[in-house]
Amino acid sequence: MWIPDLPLRGNPERHRSAFLSRSSPATYTCMANFMSHIGVPIAIGAVAVVLLLGLINMMRGGSPHRSQQLMRLRVLLQFVAIVVIMFTVWLMAK
């Protein structure tokens, strides 16, 4: 890794360690594995659970207010799942 030689005050080793302390590629790989094997399935599973709860409520003839709440929650969870998936794709590309 190239470290620029800048005129810095104080202990030069302290400044060099600041450049070297950035996340290594192994950190990104570990995070990508975690997100792809745990984070994405949890996000998709949450959407599926809320979808099934909404379908069960509708088939039982439940409250329309409850169906509306579940639909709003499902849309929110779908947005979160898309963000999680895009973050995972970004990590895997690094």
C-alpha atoms as a PDB file:
ATOM      1  CA  MET A   1       0.000   0.000   0.000  1.00  0.00           C
ATOM      2  CA  TRP A   2       1.342   3.383  -0.965  1.00  0.00           C
ATOM      3  CA  ILE A   3       1.584   5.841   1.912  1.00  0.00           C
ATOM      4  CA  PRO A   4       2.244   9.443   0.944  1.00  0.00           C
ATOM      5  CA  ASP A   5       5.229  11.195   2.513  1.00  0.00           C
ATOM      6  CA  LEU A   6       3.618  14.325   3.844  1.00  0.00           C
ATOM      7  CA  PRO A   7       5.233  16.797   6.220  1.00  0.00           C
ATOM      8  CA  LEU A   8       3.357  15.849   9.397  1.00  0.00           C
ATOM      9  CA  ARG A   9       3.835  17.087  12.922  1.00  0.00           C
ATOM     10  CA  GLY A  10       4.368  14.728  15.821  1.00  0.00           C
ATOM     11  CA  ASN A  11       5.044  11.032  15.678  1.00  0.00           C
ATOM     12  CA  PRO A  12       5.125   9.878  12.036  1.00  0.00           C
ATOM     13  CA  GLU A  13       4.213   6.292  12.973  1.00  0.00           C
ATOM     14  CA  ARG A  14       0.925   7.506  14.425  1.00  0.00           C
ATOM     15  CA  HIS A  15       0.029   9.089  11.086  1.00  0.00           C
ATOM     16  CA  ARG A  16       1.070   6.012   9.108  1.00  0.00           C
ATOM     17  CA  SER A  17      -1.090   3.771  11.285  1.00  0.00           C
ATOM     18  CA  ALA A  18      -4.088   5.977  10.468  1.00  0.00           C
ATOM     19  CA  PHE A  19      -3.608   5.150   6.780  1.00  0.00           C
ATOM     20  CA  LEU A  20      -3.171   1.444   7.469  1.00  0.00           C
ATOM     21  CA  SER A  21      -6.151   1.131   9.823  1.00  0.00           C
ATOM     22  CA  ARG A  22      -8.724   1.208   7.036  1.00  0.00           C
ATOM     23  CA  SER A  23     -10.783  -1.922   6.476  1.00  0.00           C
ATOM     24  CA  SER A  24      -8.958  -4.682   4.690  1.00  0.00           C
ATOM     25  CA  PRO A  25     -10.458  -6.682   1.811  1.00  0.00           C
ATOM     26  CA  ALA A  26     -10.861  -9.609   4.223  1.00  0.00           C
ATOM     27  CA  THR A  27     -13.225  -7.463   6.312  1.00  0.00           C
ATOM     28  CA  TYR A  28     -15.383  -6.758   3.262  1.00  0.00           C
ATOM     29  CA  THR A  29     -15.418 -10.468   2.351  1.00  0.00           C
ATOM     30  CA  CYS A  30     -16.456 -11.452   5.863  1.00  0.00           C
ATOM     31  CA  MET A  31     -19.204  -8.813   5.903  1.00  0.00           C
ATOM     32  CA  ALA A  32     -20.394  -9.851   2.432  1.00  0.00           C
ATOM     33  CA  ASN A  33     -20.596 -13.490   3.541  1.00  0.00           C
ATOM     34  CA  PHE A  34     -22.540 -12.525   6.655  1.00  0.00           C
ATOM     35  CA  MET A  35     -24.953 -10.314   4.717  1.00  0.00           C
ATOM     36  CA  SER A  36     -25.506 -12.819   1.916  1.00  0.00           C
ATOM     37  CA  HIS A  37     -26.016 -15.804   4.231  1.00  0.00           C
ATOM     38  CA  ILE A  38     -27.820 -14.155   7.158  1.00  0.00           C
ATOM     39  CA  GLY A  39     -28.890 -10.574   6.432  1.00  0.00           C
ATOM     40  CA  VAL A  40     -30.606 -11.124   3.078  1.00  0.00           C
ATOM     41  CA  PRO A  41     -32.549 -14.256   4.157  1.00  0.00           C
ATOM     42  CA  ILE A  42     -33.773 -12.479   7.312  1.00  0.00           C
ATOM     43  CA  ALA A  43     -34.961  -9.491   5.274  1.00  0.00           C
ATOM     44  CA  ILE A  44     -36.731 -11.690   2.715  1.00  0.00           C
ATOM     45  CA  GLY A  45     -38.190 -13.886   5.466  1.00  0.00           C
ATOM     46  CA  ALA A  46     -39.629 -10.854   7.254  1.00  0.00           C
ATOM     47  CA  VAL A  47     -41.367  -9.770   4.039  1.00  0.00           C
ATOM     48  CA  ALA A  48     -42.743 -13.292   3.523  1.00  0.00           C
ATOM     49  CA  VAL A  49     -44.071 -13.509   7.095  1.00  0.00           C
ATOM     50  CA  VAL A  50     -45.904 -10.192   6.831  1.00  0.00           C
ATOM     51  CA  LEU A  51     -47.277 -11.182   3.421  1.00  0.00           C
ATOM     52  CA  LEU A  52     -48.597 -14.470   4.836  1.00  0.00           C
ATOM     53  CA  LEU A  53     -50.134 -12.673   7.822  1.00  0.00           C
ATOM     54  CA  GLY A  54     -51.919 -10.328   5.438  1.00  0.00           C
ATOM     55  CA  LEU A  55     -53.215 -13.210   3.330  1.00  0.00           C
ATOM     56  CA  ILE A  56     -54.431 -15.083   6.414  1.00  0.00           C
ATOM     57  CA  ASN A  57     -56.174 -11.948   7.682  1.00  0.00           C
ATOM     58  CA  MET A  58     -57.839 -11.447   4.303  1.00  0.00           C
ATOM     59  CA  MET A  59     -58.977 -15.102   4.013  1.00  0.00           C
ATOM     60  CA  ARG A  60     -60.443 -15.062   7.514  1.00  0.00           C
ATOM     61  CA  GLY A  61     -62.359 -11.897   6.714  1.00  0.00           C
ATOM     62  CA  GLY A  62     -60.435  -9.873   9.274  1.00  0.00           C
ATOM     63  CA  SER A  63     -60.402  -6.162   9.836  1.00  0.00           C
ATOM     64  CA  PRO A  64     -59.695  -4.026   6.761  1.00  0.00           C
ATOM     65  CA  HIS A  65     -57.731  -1.677   9.022  1.00  0.00           C
ATOM     66  CA  ARG A  66     -55.439  -4.556  10.013  1.00  0.00           C
ATOM     67  CA  SER A  67     -54.986  -5.528   6.345  1.00  0.00           C
ATOM     68  CA  GLN A  68     -54.001  -1.939   5.538  1.00  0.00           C
ATOM     69  CA  GLN A  69     -51.458  -1.897   8.380  1.00  0.00           C
ATOM     70  CA  LEU A  70     -49.959  -5.187   7.220  1.00  0.00           C
ATOM     71  CA  MET A  71     -49.747  -3.937   3.624  1.00  0.00           C
ATOM     72  CA  ARG A  72     -47.931  -0.779   4.752  1.00  0.00           C
ATOM     73  CA  LEU A  73     -45.556  -2.846   6.882  1.00  0.00           C
ATOM     74  CA  ARG A  74     -44.909  -5.186   3.938  1.00  0.00           C
ATOM     75  CA  VAL A  75     -44.038  -2.264   1.655  1.00  0.00           C
ATOM     76  CA  LEU A  76     -41.663  -0.877   4.293  1.00  0.00           C
ATOM     77  CA  LEU A  77     -40.014  -4.266   4.755  1.00  0.00           C
ATOM     78  CA  GLN A  78     -39.659  -4.670   0.986  1.00  0.00           C
ATOM     79  CA  PHE A  79     -37.810  -1.350   0.882  1.00  0.00           C
ATOM     80  CA  VAL A  80     -35.522  -2.490   3.707  1.00  0.00           C
ATOM     81  CA  ALA A  81     -34.921  -5.820   1.932  1.00  0.00           C
ATOM     82  CA  ILE A  82     -33.953  -4.025  -1.295  1.00  0.00           C
ATOM     83  CA  VAL A  83     -31.529  -1.794   0.617  1.00  0.00           C
ATOM     84  CA  VAL A  84     -29.994  -4.836   2.332  1.00  0.00           C
ATOM     85  CA  ILE A  85     -29.661  -6.682  -0.985  1.00  0.00           C
ATOM     86  CA  MET A  86     -28.076  -3.682  -2.728  1.00  0.00           C
ATOM     87  CA  PHE A  87     -25.650  -3.204   0.183  1.00  0.00           C
ATOM     88  CA  THR A  88     -24.709  -6.885  -0.049  1.00  0.00           C
ATOM     89  CA  VAL A  89     -24.125  -6.628  -3.802  1.00  0.00           C
ATOM     90  CA  TRP A  90     -21.954  -3.555  -3.205  1.00  0.00           C
ATOM     91  CA  LEU A  91     -19.907  -5.424  -0.578  1.00  0.00           C
ATOM     92  CA  MET A  92     -19.454  -8.437  -2.840  1.00  0.00           C
ATOM     93  CA  ALA A  93     -18.153  -6.215  -5.639  1.00  0.00           C
ATOM     94  CA  LYS A  94     -15.356  -4.785  -3.458  1.00  0.00           C
END
